N, C-alpha and C. Protein backbone atom coordinates (compact mmCIF):
# COMPACT_ATOMS: atom_id res chain seq x y z
N MET A 1 234.48 93.92 105.89
CA MET A 1 235.40 95.04 105.61
C MET A 1 237.39 94.94 106.53
N VAL A 2 237.68 94.59 105.82
CA VAL A 2 239.30 94.44 106.05
C VAL A 2 239.99 95.28 106.88
N ARG A 3 240.23 95.82 107.89
CA ARG A 3 240.54 96.66 108.86
C ARG A 3 242.65 96.89 108.42
N GLU A 4 242.87 98.22 108.22
CA GLU A 4 244.01 98.57 108.29
C GLU A 4 244.83 98.07 109.98
N ARG A 5 245.89 98.05 110.12
CA ARG A 5 246.67 97.90 111.47
C ARG A 5 246.36 99.54 111.76
N GLY A 6 246.25 99.30 113.02
CA GLY A 6 246.03 100.54 114.17
C GLY A 6 244.64 101.84 113.60
N GLN A 7 244.02 100.84 112.72
CA GLN A 7 242.49 101.74 112.43
C GLN A 7 241.54 101.31 113.30
N PRO A 8 240.72 101.86 113.95
CA PRO A 8 239.90 102.22 115.12
C PRO A 8 238.81 101.45 114.41
N ARG A 9 238.14 100.72 114.98
CA ARG A 9 237.03 100.10 114.66
C ARG A 9 235.80 100.94 114.96
N ARG A 10 235.34 101.24 113.86
CA ARG A 10 233.92 101.96 113.79
C ARG A 10 232.48 102.13 113.30
N TRP A 11 231.39 101.38 114.22
CA TRP A 11 229.94 101.26 113.79
C TRP A 11 229.53 102.45 113.39
N ALA A 12 228.53 102.37 112.53
CA ALA A 12 227.95 103.72 112.18
C ALA A 12 226.35 103.17 113.20
N VAL A 13 225.29 103.69 113.95
CA VAL A 13 224.44 103.66 114.56
C VAL A 13 223.43 104.87 114.17
N GLY A 14 221.86 104.17 113.96
CA GLY A 14 220.99 104.96 113.66
C GLY A 14 219.49 104.55 114.55
N ILE A 15 219.27 105.57 115.15
CA ILE A 15 217.86 105.59 115.80
C ILE A 15 216.63 106.24 115.55
N THR A 16 215.49 105.64 115.23
CA THR A 16 214.60 106.19 114.83
C THR A 16 213.49 106.19 115.39
N GLY A 17 212.13 106.84 114.85
CA GLY A 17 211.01 106.66 115.57
C GLY A 17 210.19 106.04 115.94
N ALA A 18 210.58 104.35 115.76
CA ALA A 18 209.98 103.13 116.06
C ALA A 18 209.90 103.40 117.68
N SER A 19 209.46 102.92 118.73
CA SER A 19 209.38 102.78 119.87
C SER A 19 210.62 101.54 120.66
N GLY A 20 210.95 101.76 121.43
CA GLY A 20 212.42 100.65 122.14
C GLY A 20 213.78 101.66 121.96
N ALA A 21 213.10 102.51 121.99
CA ALA A 21 214.53 103.79 121.93
C ALA A 21 215.68 103.09 122.92
N ALA A 22 215.18 102.06 123.95
CA ALA A 22 216.11 102.02 125.11
C ALA A 22 217.36 100.84 124.21
N TYR A 23 216.54 100.05 122.95
CA TYR A 23 217.47 99.34 122.45
C TYR A 23 218.81 100.10 122.17
N GLY A 24 218.32 101.29 121.28
CA GLY A 24 219.66 102.03 120.69
C GLY A 24 220.17 102.30 121.34
N VAL A 25 220.32 102.57 122.68
CA VAL A 25 220.77 103.75 123.94
C VAL A 25 221.73 102.29 124.49
N LYS A 26 221.10 101.41 124.95
CA LYS A 26 221.91 100.24 125.41
C LYS A 26 222.78 99.74 124.54
N LEU A 27 222.96 99.18 122.90
CA LEU A 27 223.37 99.18 122.01
C LEU A 27 225.26 99.77 122.20
N VAL A 28 224.73 101.76 121.96
CA VAL A 28 225.60 102.08 121.93
C VAL A 28 226.76 102.91 123.38
N ARG A 29 226.08 102.68 124.36
CA ARG A 29 226.50 102.03 125.61
C ARG A 29 227.47 100.44 125.21
N GLU A 30 227.71 99.63 125.05
CA GLU A 30 227.72 98.51 125.06
C GLU A 30 229.14 98.42 124.04
N LEU A 31 229.41 98.99 122.77
CA LEU A 31 229.75 99.48 122.16
C LEU A 31 230.97 100.60 122.10
N LEU A 32 230.58 101.68 122.72
CA LEU A 32 231.65 102.25 123.23
C LEU A 32 232.33 101.46 124.40
N GLY A 33 232.09 100.60 125.41
CA GLY A 33 232.24 100.71 126.57
C GLY A 33 233.56 99.00 125.94
N ALA A 34 233.72 98.72 124.72
CA ALA A 34 234.39 97.20 124.20
C ALA A 34 234.92 97.78 123.36
N GLY A 35 235.03 99.99 123.31
CA GLY A 35 236.70 100.33 122.43
C GLY A 35 236.15 100.86 121.41
N ILE A 36 234.70 100.31 120.25
CA ILE A 36 234.20 100.42 119.74
C ILE A 36 233.94 102.63 119.25
N ASP A 37 234.52 102.84 117.89
CA ASP A 37 234.15 104.65 117.90
C ASP A 37 232.34 104.06 117.41
N VAL A 38 232.05 105.10 117.91
CA VAL A 38 229.85 104.86 117.45
C VAL A 38 229.46 106.34 116.74
N HIS A 39 229.53 106.03 115.66
CA HIS A 39 228.84 106.95 114.69
C HIS A 39 227.30 107.34 114.65
N LEU A 40 226.95 108.52 115.20
CA LEU A 40 225.06 108.28 115.82
C LEU A 40 224.50 109.60 115.25
N VAL A 41 223.46 108.80 114.53
CA VAL A 41 222.68 109.84 113.50
C VAL A 41 221.53 109.84 114.37
N ILE A 42 220.00 110.24 114.99
CA ILE A 42 218.84 110.01 115.61
C ILE A 42 218.15 111.07 114.30
N SER A 43 216.93 110.56 113.71
CA SER A 43 215.68 110.97 113.73
C SER A 43 215.28 112.02 114.13
N ASP A 44 214.19 113.06 113.45
CA ASP A 44 213.43 114.14 114.41
C ASP A 44 212.70 113.02 114.78
N ALA A 45 212.52 111.98 114.76
CA ALA A 45 211.11 110.93 115.50
C ALA A 45 211.85 110.37 116.38
N GLY A 46 213.16 110.17 116.23
CA GLY A 46 213.52 109.68 117.11
C GLY A 46 214.31 109.83 118.68
N TRP A 47 213.94 111.27 118.35
CA TRP A 47 214.03 112.10 119.12
C TRP A 47 212.43 112.48 119.69
N ARG A 48 211.79 112.31 119.67
CA ARG A 48 210.48 112.27 119.93
C ARG A 48 210.45 111.38 121.22
N VAL A 49 210.90 110.27 120.46
CA VAL A 49 210.56 108.74 121.44
C VAL A 49 211.78 109.15 122.59
N LEU A 50 212.84 108.92 122.44
CA LEU A 50 213.71 108.92 123.48
C LEU A 50 213.04 110.32 124.24
N LYS A 51 212.91 111.38 123.93
CA LYS A 51 211.83 112.26 124.83
C LYS A 51 210.65 111.49 125.76
N GLU A 52 209.51 110.98 125.26
CA GLU A 52 209.16 110.28 125.78
C GLU A 52 208.72 108.98 126.41
N GLU A 53 209.86 108.16 125.99
CA GLU A 53 210.21 106.77 126.53
C GLU A 53 211.78 107.09 127.41
N LEU A 54 212.49 107.69 127.32
CA LEU A 54 213.25 107.89 128.18
C LEU A 54 213.80 109.30 128.99
N GLY A 55 212.78 110.22 128.67
CA GLY A 55 212.85 111.21 129.41
C GLY A 55 214.40 112.27 128.92
N TRP A 56 214.75 112.20 127.36
CA TRP A 56 215.65 112.75 127.01
C TRP A 56 215.20 114.18 127.08
N ASP A 57 215.89 115.12 127.27
CA ASP A 57 215.66 116.61 126.44
C ASP A 57 215.96 116.86 125.23
N ALA A 58 214.94 116.87 124.20
CA ALA A 58 215.15 116.82 123.25
C ALA A 58 215.21 118.07 122.44
N SER A 59 215.11 119.29 123.53
CA SER A 59 215.41 120.59 122.79
C SER A 59 217.24 120.95 122.90
N ARG A 60 217.88 120.01 124.06
CA ARG A 60 219.06 119.89 123.86
C ARG A 60 219.81 118.89 123.27
N ARG A 61 220.06 118.27 122.24
CA ARG A 61 220.21 117.62 121.56
C ARG A 61 221.35 116.58 121.54
N ALA A 62 222.49 117.79 121.20
CA ALA A 62 223.79 117.49 121.46
C ALA A 62 224.02 117.07 122.97
N ALA A 63 224.03 118.62 123.45
CA ALA A 63 224.07 117.92 124.83
C ALA A 63 223.57 116.39 125.51
N ALA A 64 222.02 116.18 125.18
CA ALA A 64 221.15 115.09 126.24
C ALA A 64 222.31 113.66 125.15
N VAL A 65 222.66 113.44 124.47
CA VAL A 65 223.37 112.49 123.74
C VAL A 65 225.19 112.34 124.56
N ALA A 66 225.65 113.77 124.61
CA ALA A 66 226.42 113.94 125.29
C ALA A 66 226.63 113.47 127.18
N GLU A 67 225.32 113.68 127.71
CA GLU A 67 225.38 113.65 128.93
C GLU A 67 225.12 111.59 129.02
N ALA A 68 224.26 111.67 128.09
CA ALA A 68 223.40 110.63 127.98
C ALA A 68 224.84 109.26 128.00
N PHE A 69 226.15 109.57 127.82
CA PHE A 69 227.35 108.58 127.41
C PHE A 69 228.41 109.19 127.66
N ALA A 70 228.82 110.25 128.81
CA ALA A 70 229.86 110.97 128.73
C ALA A 70 230.43 109.55 129.76
N HIS A 71 230.02 109.23 130.74
CA HIS A 71 230.62 108.16 131.87
C HIS A 71 231.07 106.99 131.07
N ILE A 72 230.62 106.91 129.76
CA ILE A 72 231.66 105.51 129.75
C ILE A 72 232.69 105.42 128.57
N GLU A 73 233.77 104.34 129.12
CA GLU A 73 235.16 105.13 128.67
C GLU A 73 235.30 103.97 127.82
N GLY A 74 236.05 104.10 126.88
CA GLY A 74 236.08 103.40 126.01
C GLY A 74 236.36 104.08 124.21
N GLY A 75 235.48 103.66 123.72
CA GLY A 75 235.57 104.34 122.19
C GLY A 75 235.20 105.62 121.53
N ARG A 76 234.88 106.27 120.50
CA ARG A 76 235.03 108.03 120.83
C ARG A 76 233.20 108.16 120.06
N LEU A 77 232.64 108.72 120.75
CA LEU A 77 230.65 109.03 120.36
C LEU A 77 231.09 110.27 119.68
N VAL A 78 230.94 110.12 117.74
CA VAL A 78 230.28 111.39 117.38
C VAL A 78 229.23 111.34 116.67
N TYR A 79 228.06 112.18 117.07
CA TYR A 79 226.87 112.86 117.19
C TYR A 79 226.69 113.58 115.60
N TYR A 80 225.58 113.04 114.69
CA TYR A 80 225.33 113.91 113.48
C TYR A 80 223.99 114.21 113.91
N PRO A 81 223.58 115.53 113.54
CA PRO A 81 221.97 115.22 113.62
C PRO A 81 221.73 115.22 112.07
N PRO A 82 220.48 114.42 112.47
CA PRO A 82 219.77 114.09 110.35
C PRO A 82 220.11 114.92 109.96
N GLY A 83 219.87 115.85 109.49
CA GLY A 83 220.05 117.34 108.19
C GLY A 83 221.26 116.95 108.07
N ASP A 84 222.49 116.66 108.66
CA ASP A 84 223.74 116.61 108.14
C ASP A 84 224.32 115.66 107.16
N ILE A 85 223.44 115.84 105.11
CA ILE A 85 224.10 114.96 104.63
C ILE A 85 225.24 114.92 103.97
N GLY A 86 226.29 115.96 105.25
CA GLY A 86 227.69 116.36 104.09
C GLY A 86 228.57 115.23 105.19
N ALA A 87 228.10 115.14 106.37
CA ALA A 87 228.26 114.16 107.43
C ALA A 87 229.22 113.06 106.66
N ALA A 88 229.93 112.46 108.10
CA ALA A 88 231.42 111.31 107.03
C ALA A 88 231.06 110.19 106.88
N ILE A 89 229.67 110.02 107.52
CA ILE A 89 228.90 108.41 107.65
C ILE A 89 228.35 108.35 106.54
N ALA A 90 227.79 109.76 105.57
CA ALA A 90 227.34 110.05 104.75
C ALA A 90 228.08 109.87 102.87
N SER A 91 229.35 109.27 102.91
CA SER A 91 230.16 109.13 101.72
C SER A 91 230.89 107.48 102.45
N GLY A 92 230.85 106.84 101.18
CA GLY A 92 231.65 105.64 101.02
C GLY A 92 233.32 105.32 101.09
N SER A 93 233.88 106.62 101.12
CA SER A 93 234.96 106.24 101.21
C SER A 93 235.01 106.86 102.60
N PHE A 94 234.22 107.06 103.57
CA PHE A 94 234.59 106.99 104.88
C PHE A 94 234.51 105.37 105.27
N ARG A 95 235.77 104.90 106.39
CA ARG A 95 236.00 103.54 106.73
C ARG A 95 234.87 103.80 107.63
N CYS A 96 234.34 102.23 107.24
CA CYS A 96 233.33 101.69 108.57
C CYS A 96 233.00 100.43 108.33
N GLU A 97 233.01 99.95 109.62
CA GLU A 97 232.86 98.25 109.71
C GLU A 97 231.06 97.75 109.06
N GLY A 98 230.05 98.66 109.52
CA GLY A 98 228.92 98.59 108.63
C GLY A 98 228.25 99.92 109.88
N MET A 99 226.45 99.38 109.64
CA MET A 99 225.38 100.20 110.23
C MET A 99 225.00 99.27 110.77
N VAL A 100 224.41 99.86 112.05
CA VAL A 100 222.92 99.25 112.99
C VAL A 100 221.83 100.41 112.86
N VAL A 101 220.49 99.73 112.60
CA VAL A 101 219.47 100.76 112.72
C VAL A 101 218.52 100.32 113.87
N VAL A 102 218.12 100.73 115.26
CA VAL A 102 217.74 100.15 116.35
C VAL A 102 217.63 101.45 117.48
N PRO A 103 216.09 101.07 117.08
CA PRO A 103 215.04 100.46 116.74
C PRO A 103 214.36 101.05 115.02
N CYS A 104 214.23 100.57 114.72
CA CYS A 104 213.96 100.76 113.07
C CYS A 104 213.07 100.92 112.69
N SER A 105 212.02 102.18 112.49
CA SER A 105 210.92 102.53 111.63
C SER A 105 210.10 101.74 110.29
N MET A 106 208.97 101.30 110.68
CA MET A 106 209.05 101.12 109.39
C MET A 106 208.80 101.92 107.94
N GLY A 107 208.91 103.66 108.19
CA GLY A 107 209.02 104.45 107.36
C GLY A 107 210.48 104.70 106.66
N THR A 108 211.15 104.49 108.07
CA THR A 108 213.02 104.06 107.83
C THR A 108 212.79 102.98 106.77
N LEU A 109 212.78 102.07 107.32
CA LEU A 109 212.82 100.38 107.09
C LEU A 109 212.19 100.45 105.14
N SER A 110 210.81 101.10 105.28
CA SER A 110 210.51 101.69 103.75
C SER A 110 212.07 102.29 102.83
N ALA A 111 212.08 103.64 103.33
CA ALA A 111 213.13 104.56 102.37
C ALA A 111 213.94 103.66 102.25
N ILE A 112 214.61 102.80 103.07
CA ILE A 112 215.82 102.39 102.90
C ILE A 112 215.50 101.10 101.43
N ALA A 113 214.19 100.14 101.37
CA ALA A 113 214.09 99.48 100.75
C ALA A 113 213.63 99.64 99.57
N HIS A 114 213.52 101.33 99.21
CA HIS A 114 213.15 101.94 97.75
C HIS A 114 214.35 102.66 97.17
N GLY A 115 215.79 102.62 98.47
CA GLY A 115 216.76 103.60 97.77
C GLY A 115 216.29 105.14 98.35
N SER A 116 215.31 105.80 98.62
CA SER A 116 214.80 107.15 99.40
C SER A 116 215.89 107.23 100.56
N SER A 117 216.57 108.05 100.40
CA SER A 117 217.63 108.69 101.36
C SER A 117 217.35 109.94 101.21
N ASP A 118 216.67 110.83 102.13
CA ASP A 118 215.95 112.14 102.11
C ASP A 118 216.83 113.22 103.39
N ASN A 119 217.59 111.65 104.41
CA ASN A 119 218.33 112.29 105.35
C ASN A 119 219.57 111.43 106.03
N LEU A 120 220.35 112.12 106.89
CA LEU A 120 222.06 111.25 106.80
C LEU A 120 221.37 110.06 107.02
N LEU A 121 220.79 110.10 108.12
CA LEU A 121 220.04 108.48 108.59
C LEU A 121 219.82 107.26 107.37
N THR A 122 218.85 107.62 106.09
CA THR A 122 218.70 106.51 105.23
C THR A 122 220.35 106.71 104.30
N ARG A 123 220.49 108.11 104.04
CA ARG A 123 221.80 107.88 103.89
C ARG A 123 222.89 106.92 103.82
N ALA A 124 223.08 106.73 104.83
CA ALA A 124 224.22 105.82 105.77
C ALA A 124 223.97 104.76 105.43
N ALA A 125 222.64 104.19 105.60
CA ALA A 125 221.96 102.86 105.51
C ALA A 125 222.34 102.46 103.79
N ASP A 126 222.31 103.62 103.16
CA ASP A 126 222.15 102.79 101.85
C ASP A 126 223.56 103.18 101.03
N VAL A 127 224.39 104.10 102.02
CA VAL A 127 226.12 103.48 101.82
C VAL A 127 226.59 102.64 102.08
N ALA A 128 226.02 101.68 103.05
CA ALA A 128 226.23 100.23 103.35
C ALA A 128 225.94 99.82 102.51
N LEU A 129 224.75 99.80 102.35
CA LEU A 129 224.02 98.34 101.16
C LEU A 129 224.97 99.04 99.83
N LYS A 130 225.42 100.34 99.27
CA LYS A 130 225.95 100.58 97.83
C LYS A 130 227.74 99.83 97.96
N GLU A 131 227.95 99.75 99.48
CA GLU A 131 229.19 99.41 99.79
C GLU A 131 229.60 97.97 100.09
N GLY A 132 228.56 97.27 100.11
CA GLY A 132 228.99 95.49 100.44
C GLY A 132 228.61 95.90 102.01
N ARG A 133 228.64 96.88 102.92
CA ARG A 133 228.86 96.32 104.59
C ARG A 133 227.93 95.93 104.95
N PRO A 134 228.15 95.55 106.33
CA PRO A 134 226.94 94.66 106.91
C PRO A 134 225.82 95.63 107.68
N LEU A 135 224.71 95.64 107.33
CA LEU A 135 223.74 97.08 107.40
C LEU A 135 222.11 95.35 108.48
N LEU A 136 222.80 95.82 109.58
CA LEU A 136 221.48 95.38 110.53
C LEU A 136 219.87 96.28 110.82
N LEU A 137 218.64 96.04 110.83
CA LEU A 137 217.75 96.37 110.82
C LEU A 137 216.89 95.79 111.87
N VAL A 138 216.84 97.33 113.29
CA VAL A 138 215.85 96.16 114.06
C VAL A 138 214.74 96.65 113.92
N PRO A 139 213.75 95.79 113.74
CA PRO A 139 212.12 96.46 113.29
C PRO A 139 211.34 96.34 114.90
N ARG A 140 210.98 97.50 115.27
CA ARG A 140 210.00 97.28 116.53
C ARG A 140 208.21 97.66 115.56
N GLU A 141 207.45 96.86 115.40
CA GLU A 141 206.51 97.07 114.68
C GLU A 141 205.30 95.46 115.19
N THR A 142 204.54 96.40 115.74
CA THR A 142 203.34 94.63 115.52
C THR A 142 201.30 95.52 115.48
N PRO A 143 200.53 94.86 115.05
CA PRO A 143 201.21 93.96 113.76
C PRO A 143 201.88 94.11 112.00
N LEU A 144 202.39 92.99 111.89
CA LEU A 144 203.13 93.84 110.46
C LEU A 144 202.24 93.59 109.50
N SER A 145 202.36 94.41 108.83
CA SER A 145 201.05 94.38 107.29
C SER A 145 201.86 93.72 106.01
N ALA A 146 201.19 93.18 105.12
CA ALA A 146 202.17 92.54 103.83
C ALA A 146 203.30 93.78 103.36
N VAL A 147 203.14 94.92 103.63
CA VAL A 147 204.09 95.96 102.83
C VAL A 147 205.31 95.93 103.38
N HIS A 148 204.66 95.93 105.35
CA HIS A 148 206.28 95.57 105.88
C HIS A 148 206.62 94.19 105.87
N LEU A 149 205.90 93.27 105.60
CA LEU A 149 206.79 92.18 104.96
C LEU A 149 207.42 91.95 104.29
N GLU A 150 206.89 92.28 103.23
CA GLU A 150 207.95 92.15 102.02
C GLU A 150 208.70 93.66 101.53
N ASN A 151 208.77 94.59 102.31
CA ASN A 151 210.04 95.44 101.84
C ASN A 151 211.21 94.77 103.11
N MET A 152 210.80 94.35 104.21
CA MET A 152 211.60 93.35 105.22
C MET A 152 212.11 92.05 104.27
N LEU A 153 211.61 91.59 103.30
CA LEU A 153 212.03 90.70 102.06
C LEU A 153 212.77 91.07 101.43
N LYS A 154 212.48 91.96 101.00
CA LYS A 154 213.48 92.60 99.87
C LYS A 154 214.97 92.87 100.29
N LEU A 155 214.89 93.41 101.34
CA LEU A 155 215.96 94.05 101.79
C LEU A 155 217.07 92.11 102.59
N ALA A 156 216.34 91.49 102.60
CA ALA A 156 216.39 90.37 103.19
C ALA A 156 217.44 89.33 102.52
N ARG A 157 217.04 90.23 101.08
CA ARG A 157 217.10 89.36 99.57
C ARG A 157 218.40 90.44 99.65
N LEU A 158 218.79 91.29 100.03
CA LEU A 158 219.97 92.29 99.67
C LEU A 158 221.05 91.76 100.35
N GLY A 159 220.92 91.02 101.56
CA GLY A 159 221.81 90.63 102.32
C GLY A 159 222.16 91.17 103.62
N VAL A 160 220.97 92.56 104.37
CA VAL A 160 220.61 92.97 105.59
C VAL A 160 219.96 91.91 106.28
N ARG A 161 220.44 92.41 107.36
CA ARG A 161 220.22 91.46 109.02
C ARG A 161 219.20 91.92 109.08
N ILE A 162 217.96 91.16 109.36
CA ILE A 162 216.56 91.83 109.93
C ILE A 162 216.68 90.95 111.47
N ILE A 163 216.19 92.00 112.25
CA ILE A 163 216.54 91.59 113.52
C ILE A 163 215.27 91.82 114.45
N PRO A 164 214.73 91.55 113.95
CA PRO A 164 213.01 91.91 115.36
C PRO A 164 213.44 92.08 116.66
N ALA A 165 212.33 93.00 116.77
CA ALA A 165 212.58 92.62 118.69
C ALA A 165 212.09 92.44 119.32
N MET A 166 212.12 91.21 119.07
CA MET A 166 211.14 89.59 119.77
C MET A 166 212.41 89.39 121.19
N PRO A 167 212.13 89.82 121.64
CA PRO A 167 213.31 89.09 123.59
C PRO A 167 212.67 87.57 123.93
N ALA A 168 213.61 86.73 124.18
CA ALA A 168 213.09 85.53 124.32
C ALA A 168 213.17 85.65 126.01
N PHE A 169 213.04 84.48 126.75
CA PHE A 169 212.80 84.35 128.21
C PHE A 169 213.15 82.93 128.80
N TYR A 170 213.60 82.34 127.93
CA TYR A 170 214.46 81.26 127.91
C TYR A 170 215.37 81.51 129.63
N GLN A 171 215.99 82.41 129.36
CA GLN A 171 216.85 83.29 130.11
C GLN A 171 216.76 83.52 131.81
N GLY A 172 215.38 83.70 131.43
CA GLY A 172 214.62 84.05 133.27
C GLY A 172 214.24 85.76 133.27
N PRO A 173 214.27 86.46 132.62
CA PRO A 173 214.65 87.57 133.12
C PRO A 173 214.01 88.32 134.27
N GLN A 174 214.25 89.24 134.82
CA GLN A 174 213.94 89.67 136.11
C GLN A 174 213.57 91.12 136.33
N THR A 175 214.22 92.41 134.97
CA THR A 175 213.54 93.11 135.23
C THR A 175 213.70 93.77 133.30
N LEU A 176 213.25 94.68 133.13
CA LEU A 176 213.11 95.41 132.05
C LEU A 176 214.21 95.44 131.17
N ASP A 177 215.20 95.98 132.65
CA ASP A 177 216.62 96.34 131.58
C ASP A 177 217.05 94.72 131.23
N ASP A 178 216.88 93.33 131.80
CA ASP A 178 217.37 91.89 131.25
C ASP A 178 216.91 92.02 129.70
N ILE A 179 215.66 92.11 129.65
CA ILE A 179 214.90 92.26 128.55
C ILE A 179 215.74 92.74 126.95
N VAL A 180 216.12 94.42 127.39
CA VAL A 180 216.49 94.99 126.59
C VAL A 180 217.98 94.47 126.27
N ALA A 181 218.82 93.95 127.62
CA ALA A 181 219.79 93.39 127.44
C ALA A 181 220.35 92.29 126.43
N PHE A 182 219.18 91.54 126.55
CA PHE A 182 218.96 90.34 125.71
C PHE A 182 219.04 90.29 124.03
N MET A 183 218.14 91.26 123.72
CA MET A 183 218.19 91.57 122.53
C MET A 183 219.42 92.59 121.91
N THR A 184 219.69 92.97 122.75
CA THR A 184 221.51 94.15 122.59
C THR A 184 222.50 93.30 122.34
N GLY A 185 222.36 91.80 123.38
CA GLY A 185 223.43 90.98 122.76
C GLY A 185 222.60 90.38 121.75
N LYS A 186 221.47 89.99 121.19
CA LYS A 186 221.28 89.42 119.98
C LYS A 186 222.08 89.92 118.58
N ILE A 187 221.73 91.45 119.00
CA ILE A 187 222.35 92.61 118.41
C ILE A 187 223.86 92.03 117.98
N MET A 188 224.59 92.77 118.60
CA MET A 188 225.71 92.16 118.69
C MET A 188 226.77 90.80 118.46
N ASP A 189 226.23 90.04 118.14
CA ASP A 189 226.07 88.28 117.74
C ASP A 189 225.99 88.34 116.49
N SER A 190 225.05 89.45 116.05
CA SER A 190 224.58 89.67 114.47
C SER A 190 226.15 90.02 113.82
N MET A 191 226.61 90.99 115.01
CA MET A 191 227.90 92.09 114.23
C MET A 191 228.80 91.60 114.70
N GLY A 192 229.10 90.25 115.28
CA GLY A 192 230.43 89.61 115.14
C GLY A 192 231.41 90.54 116.61
N LEU A 193 230.34 90.71 117.69
CA LEU A 193 231.00 91.17 118.69
C LEU A 193 230.94 90.22 119.88
N ASP A 194 231.75 90.11 120.72
CA ASP A 194 231.73 89.53 122.37
C ASP A 194 231.22 90.29 122.92
N HIS A 195 230.19 89.72 124.22
CA HIS A 195 229.80 90.29 124.61
C HIS A 195 228.77 89.52 125.67
N HIS A 196 229.00 89.69 127.41
CA HIS A 196 228.34 89.03 128.23
C HIS A 196 226.34 89.57 128.54
N LEU A 197 225.62 89.65 128.19
CA LEU A 197 224.74 90.24 127.98
C LEU A 197 223.20 89.16 128.70
N TYR A 198 223.87 88.08 128.84
CA TYR A 198 222.56 87.28 128.80
C TYR A 198 223.83 85.93 128.98
N ASP A 199 222.41 84.60 129.42
CA ASP A 199 223.34 83.33 129.93
C ASP A 199 222.79 83.05 127.76
N ARG A 200 223.11 82.24 127.63
CA ARG A 200 223.02 81.06 126.60
C ARG A 200 222.37 80.29 126.37
N TRP A 201 221.40 79.91 126.01
CA TRP A 201 221.00 78.05 125.83
C TRP A 201 221.79 77.24 125.84
N GLY A 202 221.86 76.50 126.76
CA GLY A 202 222.85 75.81 126.98
C GLY A 202 223.72 75.29 127.24
N GLU A 203 224.28 76.99 127.86
CA GLU A 203 226.15 77.10 128.25
C GLU A 203 225.94 76.64 129.23
N GLN A 204 225.16 76.61 130.44
CA GLN A 204 225.54 75.58 131.72
C GLN A 204 226.09 74.23 131.72
N HIS A 205 225.99 73.63 130.27
CA HIS A 205 226.08 72.65 130.02
C HIS A 205 227.64 72.28 128.93
N GLU A 206 228.03 73.12 128.76
CA GLU A 206 229.39 73.06 128.18
C GLU A 206 230.75 73.80 128.78
N SER A 207 231.48 72.34 128.81
CA SER A 207 232.86 72.55 129.53
C SER A 207 234.07 73.29 128.69
């Protein structure tokens, strides 16, 4: 996407009900800190996982989002409920560089693969596809069935980046945060964004 001079950088981010909510939260924090506007939508199942894994108060959704990212200076955060299909990111005329769904459940991945947009998250992903914008999906599931693999292959052939949540260990992670940072960095690599979230292989040998 070619941005006009002065136009803010914008990415849509979706968080679904797959395990690994920390990946989505970390990505949003990194994007905001980099001065990128984030248009965030969280599925109902995504809220269940945020509550179970990170202790978010799912009964106060907008307030929980505001509290989680209030301390970050940089980009602007816009949060949408999943039922708000009239939101800006539901329209192809809204300028946006692309979308990341992290983590991406197999149900959401299937809906995107089959053009079934019955909520704002899947509609925004469908918009990215139809407008030819980058769409990155970060599935977190194991083991994978043939159905899962066929849906991923279908989307990959359409140009969707499939980035499974498969952290590496060559960088010597010491904490869970290190593992989350590595995966977040891999996502940002595919978004074409600079970061310093992990030490790259061979970096110590570069002049």
